[in-house]
Protein backbone atom coordinates (compact mmCIF):
# COMPACT_ATOMS: atom_id res chain seq x y z
CA MET A 1 30.69 34.71 154.45
CA ILE A 2 27.25 34.05 152.37
CA THR A 3 27.95 35.17 148.86
CA ILE A 4 24.46 35.73 146.85
CA ASN A 5 23.79 35.18 142.55
CA LYS A 6 23.35 38.97 141.87
CA LYS A 7 20.49 39.49 139.72
CA LEU A 8 18.86 42.33 137.97
CA ILE A 9 15.76 42.80 138.35
CA THR A 10 13.76 45.01 135.57
CA LEU A 11 10.19 46.55 136.78
CA ASP A 12 7.60 47.99 134.86
CA LEU A 13 5.59 50.27 136.47
CA ASP A 14 2.17 50.22 135.84
CA GLY A 15 -0.07 47.14 135.90
CA THR A 16 2.78 45.76 137.94
CA THR A 17 5.22 47.62 140.29
CA LEU A 18 2.25 50.57 140.90
CA THR A 19 -1.32 49.85 142.09
CA ASN A 20 -4.48 50.87 140.12
CA ASN A 21 -4.35 54.07 141.85
CA ALA A 22 -0.76 54.47 140.78
CA THR A 23 0.62 54.46 144.16
CA ILE A 24 3.79 52.41 145.41
CA SER A 25 3.27 49.95 149.03
CA SER A 26 4.95 50.07 151.74
CA LEU A 27 5.20 46.67 151.23
CA THR A 28 6.70 46.74 147.75
CA LYS A 29 9.20 49.85 148.67
CA LYS A 30 10.59 47.41 151.49
CA THR A 31 11.17 44.62 149.81
CA ILE A 32 12.80 46.31 146.66
CA LYS A 33 14.99 48.36 149.35
CA GLU A 34 15.48 45.22 151.13
CA ALA A 35 16.78 42.95 147.49
CA THR A 36 18.98 46.59 146.72
CA ARG A 37 20.49 45.75 150.48
CA GLN A 38 21.52 42.83 149.76
CA GLY A 39 23.23 43.05 146.37
CA HIS A 40 20.36 42.77 143.70
CA ILE A 41 20.64 45.29 140.77
CA VAL A 42 16.51 46.77 140.53
CA SER A 43 15.64 48.83 137.71
CA ILE A 44 13.23 50.74 136.30
CA VAL A 45 12.19 49.81 132.93
CA THR A 46 9.16 51.50 131.64
CA GLY A 47 7.11 53.16 128.81
CA ARG A 48 6.97 56.17 131.03
CA PRO A 49 8.56 59.61 129.95
CA ASN A 50 11.66 60.01 132.99
CA ARG A 51 8.94 63.09 133.90
CA ILE A 52 6.35 60.95 135.38
CA SER A 53 8.43 58.29 136.66
CA ILE A 54 11.68 59.65 138.70
CA ASN A 55 8.96 60.06 141.43
CA PHE A 56 8.52 56.43 142.01
CA TYR A 57 12.27 56.45 140.91
CA LYS A 58 12.99 58.53 144.43
CA GLU A 59 10.59 56.54 146.14
CA LEU A 60 12.22 53.04 145.88
CA GLY A 61 15.18 54.81 147.04
CA LEU A 62 17.12 53.49 143.58
CA LYS A 63 20.64 54.36 142.65
CA THR A 64 20.42 52.19 139.21
CA PRO A 65 19.99 53.58 135.61
CA MET A 66 15.96 54.00 134.77
CA ILE A 67 15.03 52.84 130.66
CA ASN A 68 11.95 55.50 129.96
CA PHE A 69 9.93 55.49 126.59
CA ASN A 70 10.03 51.44 125.73
CA GLY A 71 13.85 51.37 125.87
CA ASN A 72 14.30 54.52 123.78
CA LEU A 73 15.97 56.78 126.85
CA GLY A 74 18.27 55.07 129.30
CA ILE A 75 19.78 58.32 132.22
CA LEU A 76 20.54 57.86 135.14
CA PRO A 77 18.67 60.34 136.97
CA ASP A 78 20.72 63.57 138.80
CA LYS A 79 23.61 61.87 137.36
CA LYS A 80 25.73 61.72 134.41
CA TRP A 81 26.22 58.08 133.01
CA GLN A 82 28.67 56.95 130.60
CA LEU A 83 26.49 54.77 128.73
CA GLU A 84 23.57 57.21 128.57
CA TYR A 85 21.20 57.57 125.18
CA GLN A 86 18.36 57.83 123.68
CA HIS A 87 17.01 57.37 120.18
CA THR A 88 15.03 60.02 118.64
CA ILE A 89 12.56 60.88 115.17
CA ASP A 90 12.22 62.54 112.68
CA ARG A 91 10.48 66.09 114.08
CA GLU A 92 8.75 66.14 110.11
CA ILE A 93 6.69 63.24 110.96
CA VAL A 94 5.10 65.54 114.00
CA PHE A 95 4.80 68.50 111.31
CA ASP A 96 2.79 65.45 108.88
CA LEU A 97 0.84 64.26 111.72
CA VAL A 98 -0.66 67.97 113.47
CA SER A 99 -0.81 69.28 108.78
CA LYS A 100 -2.92 66.46 108.74
CA SER A 101 -5.06 65.38 112.15
CA LYS A 102 -8.32 66.81 111.46
CA SER A 103 -8.76 63.77 108.40
CA LEU A 104 -7.42 61.19 110.53
CA GLY A 105 -9.37 61.88 113.56
CA ILE A 106 -6.08 62.83 116.14
CA SER A 107 -6.90 65.46 118.30
CA VAL A 108 -4.13 65.47 120.78
CA ILE A 109 0.06 65.25 119.36
CA ALA A 110 2.53 65.34 121.92
CA ALA A 111 6.55 65.25 120.94
CA GLU A 112 8.42 65.13 123.69
CA ASN A 113 12.40 64.04 124.57
CA ARG A 114 13.93 64.01 127.97
CA LYS A 115 13.90 67.57 129.18
CA THR A 116 10.96 69.01 126.87
CA PHE A 117 7.21 68.56 126.24
CA LEU A 118 4.89 69.60 123.68
CA ILE A 119 1.56 69.15 123.18
CA ASN A 120 -0.89 71.05 120.57
CA GLN A 121 -3.53 71.50 122.44
CA GLY A 122 -4.40 70.37 126.20
CA ALA A 123 -6.26 67.30 126.89
CA LYS A 124 -9.63 66.47 126.78
CA PHE A 125 -9.72 63.99 129.88
CA GLU A 126 -7.59 63.45 132.95
CA THR A 127 -5.44 60.73 131.62
CA GLY A 128 -2.22 61.66 133.98
CA PHE A 129 0.09 61.43 130.83
CA PHE A 130 -0.99 64.49 129.31
CA PRO A 131 -1.80 67.97 130.40
CA THR A 132 -5.34 69.82 130.54
CA ILE A 133 -3.96 72.82 130.27
CA LEU A 134 -1.18 74.77 128.91
CA GLU A 135 1.67 76.84 129.19
CA THR A 136 3.03 79.64 125.81
CA ASN A 137 6.02 77.45 125.91
CA GLN A 138 4.57 73.70 125.62
CA ILE A 139 2.35 74.69 122.53
CA LEU A 140 3.66 71.97 119.70
CA ASN A 141 4.03 74.44 116.58
CA GLN A 142 7.07 74.53 114.30
CA LYS A 143 8.60 77.32 116.11
CA ASN A 144 9.24 75.02 119.36
CA LEU A 145 10.13 72.12 118.35
CA THR A 146 13.52 72.72 116.82
CA TYR A 147 14.56 69.27 118.86
CA ASN A 148 13.84 65.40 116.83
CA PRO A 149 11.22 63.91 119.86
CA ILE A 150 11.94 60.67 121.01
CA CYS A 151 8.50 59.27 121.37
CA ILE A 152 5.35 61.31 119.48
CA SER A 153 1.94 60.40 121.28
CA LEU A 154 -1.79 60.22 119.26
CA SER A 155 -5.05 60.72 121.45
CA VAL A 156 -6.94 59.45 118.53
CA ASN A 157 -10.95 59.36 117.69
CA PRO A 158 -11.59 55.32 118.60
CA LEU A 159 -13.32 54.50 114.87
CA GLN A 160 -10.21 55.96 113.14
CA LYS A 161 -7.60 54.39 115.01
CA ASN A 162 -7.19 51.53 112.36
CA ASN A 163 -6.96 54.18 109.85
CA VAL A 164 -4.31 56.37 111.35
CA ILE A 165 -2.30 53.10 112.18
CA ASN A 166 -2.62 52.31 108.86
CA TYR A 167 -1.34 55.61 107.21
CA ILE A 168 1.45 55.85 109.58
CA ASN A 169 2.95 52.11 108.64
CA GLN A 170 2.45 53.18 104.94
CA ASN A 171 4.11 56.42 105.32
CA TYR A 172 6.46 55.67 108.21
CA GLY A 173 6.61 52.24 108.79
CA ASP A 174 10.24 51.41 108.35
CA LEU A 175 11.31 53.96 110.80
CA VAL A 176 8.85 54.42 113.43
CA GLU A 177 7.49 51.02 116.20
CA ILE A 178 3.95 51.51 117.06
CA SER A 179 2.57 51.08 119.63
CA PRO A 180 -0.84 51.02 120.88
CA TRP A 181 -2.34 51.83 124.82
CA GLY A 182 -3.94 48.28 125.80
CA GLY A 183 -6.09 50.56 128.20
CA LYS A 184 -8.73 53.00 127.78
CA TYR A 185 -7.88 55.67 126.61
CA PRO A 186 -7.23 55.53 122.60
CA ILE A 187 -3.69 56.41 122.27
CA ILE A 188 -1.07 55.81 120.08
CA GLU A 189 2.86 56.07 120.84
CA LEU A 190 5.38 56.21 118.33
CA ALA A 191 8.87 55.71 118.94
CA THR A 192 12.44 54.32 116.99
CA LYS A 193 11.52 51.26 114.83
CA GLY A 194 13.47 48.56 116.29
CA ILE A 195 13.86 49.69 119.67
CA LYS A 196 12.50 47.70 122.71
CA LYS A 197 12.38 47.38 126.15
CA SER A 198 15.10 44.44 126.14
CA THR A 199 17.44 46.87 124.32
CA GLY A 200 17.67 49.24 127.28
CA VAL A 201 17.68 45.64 129.67
CA LYS A 202 20.66 44.59 127.69
CA ILE A 203 22.41 47.62 127.98
CA LEU A 204 22.20 47.13 131.96
CA ALA A 205 23.06 43.53 131.75
CA ASP A 206 26.29 44.25 130.21
CA PHE A 207 27.22 47.33 132.38
CA TYR A 208 26.22 45.34 135.78
CA GLY A 209 28.25 42.38 134.12
CA ILE A 210 24.52 40.26 134.35
CA MET A 211 24.62 36.98 132.89
CA GLN A 212 21.28 36.62 130.46
CA LYS A 213 19.97 34.05 132.99
CA ASP A 214 20.68 35.77 135.90
CA ILE A 215 18.17 38.66 135.07
CA VAL A 216 14.25 38.78 136.19
CA ALA A 217 11.54 41.03 134.63
CA PHE A 218 8.22 41.75 135.90
CA GLY A 219 5.87 43.01 133.37
CA ASP A 220 1.90 43.16 132.12
CA GLU A 221 1.37 44.65 128.62
CA SER A 222 2.16 44.23 124.84
CA ASN A 223 5.02 46.87 125.51
CA ASP A 224 6.58 44.49 127.59
CA THR A 225 7.06 41.20 125.12
CA SER A 226 10.51 41.98 124.41
CA MET A 227 11.81 42.15 127.88
CA ILE A 228 9.85 39.09 129.40
CA GLU A 229 11.56 37.14 126.63
CA PHE A 230 15.02 38.85 126.79
CA ALA A 231 14.78 37.72 131.06
CA GLY A 232 16.48 34.39 132.04
CA LYS A 233 12.90 34.87 134.21
CA GLY A 234 10.29 36.43 132.36
CA VAL A 235 7.51 37.21 135.26
CA ALA A 236 3.90 37.73 134.55
CA MET A 237 1.46 39.55 136.50
CA LYS A 238 -1.86 38.03 137.52
CA ASN A 239 -3.26 40.79 136.01
CA ALA A 240 -1.28 40.62 133.00
CA ILE A 241 -2.34 39.84 129.62
CA PRO A 242 -2.70 36.83 128.74
CA GLU A 243 -0.58 36.88 125.34
CA ILE A 244 2.36 38.23 128.31
CA LYS A 245 1.15 34.63 130.27
CA LYS A 246 1.83 32.88 127.37
CA ILE A 247 5.59 33.39 126.70
CA ALA A 248 6.51 33.99 130.82
CA ASN A 249 8.51 31.73 132.66
CA ASP A 250 5.88 31.84 135.53
CA VAL A 251 3.20 34.02 136.34
CA THR A 252 3.07 35.81 139.82
CA GLU A 253 0.45 34.70 142.33
CA PHE A 254 -1.20 38.20 143.04
CA THR A 255 -1.85 41.20 141.19
CA ASN A 256 -0.80 44.62 141.41
CA ASP A 257 -3.15 45.61 143.58
CA GLU A 258 -2.37 42.59 145.70
CA ASP A 259 1.43 43.09 146.70
CA GLY A 260 2.12 40.95 143.54
CA VAL A 261 5.83 41.68 142.88
CA ALA A 262 7.27 42.25 146.12
CA LYS A 263 5.55 38.82 147.43
CA TYR A 264 7.43 37.24 144.45
CA ILE A 265 10.55 38.51 145.23
CA GLN A 266 10.55 37.37 148.52
CA ARG A 267 9.33 33.98 148.04
CA PHE A 268 12.06 33.97 145.11
CA LEU A 269 15.30 35.40 146.76
């Protein structure tokens, strides 16, 4: 009987597992399912909320817990998980940012947790993350926001982005983690201070009894830093930012649009 050295494989989505068109290739699906069949643990660890990552989870046929909001939410979709968790931030921060949105140059403010998504207005541009048309129960106001959110997302004027970050740091820097998006949209995300993707990865590893040296993590952006550093083998995508490539143990031969994750896993396993 052949025994395997079981690995925990953690997958970022955008720029990593997904193509540039935000789809999963047939080779990636086939490879992930084969790795699972061999006995390895494959889990999504993403900055995306669960509402726009559950479709990929199901497409890959995963049965493992999923980590969302850059480590701030850990769930087993459609089932109860004894280690399920979430980290939230005070909703008063949302109300303060709404009151100062005009002077700070903040156009869109969204507050979200596992099941609820509220936003002050429809997005003026299509990002795939924010709706452009809202239902009444989606409008962000003091009446609707009755919970402490996991994440606050801000769409800001590019010329005032640094001012927004400075304001948040000065007033809430000890409470929130500030994560500007690295893409083309001027968006800033706020979540609980000190919580990162590695927070969720450690919980997964402990749950499955996987040693740190047997964790393989794939990523491409700055929010993957903690996960890449924590893993026994941190793998940067060929298309990753230079800072991620610098700290990674390895770099894929191909980009996310060339089945980089799938081809690496096939060779590695």
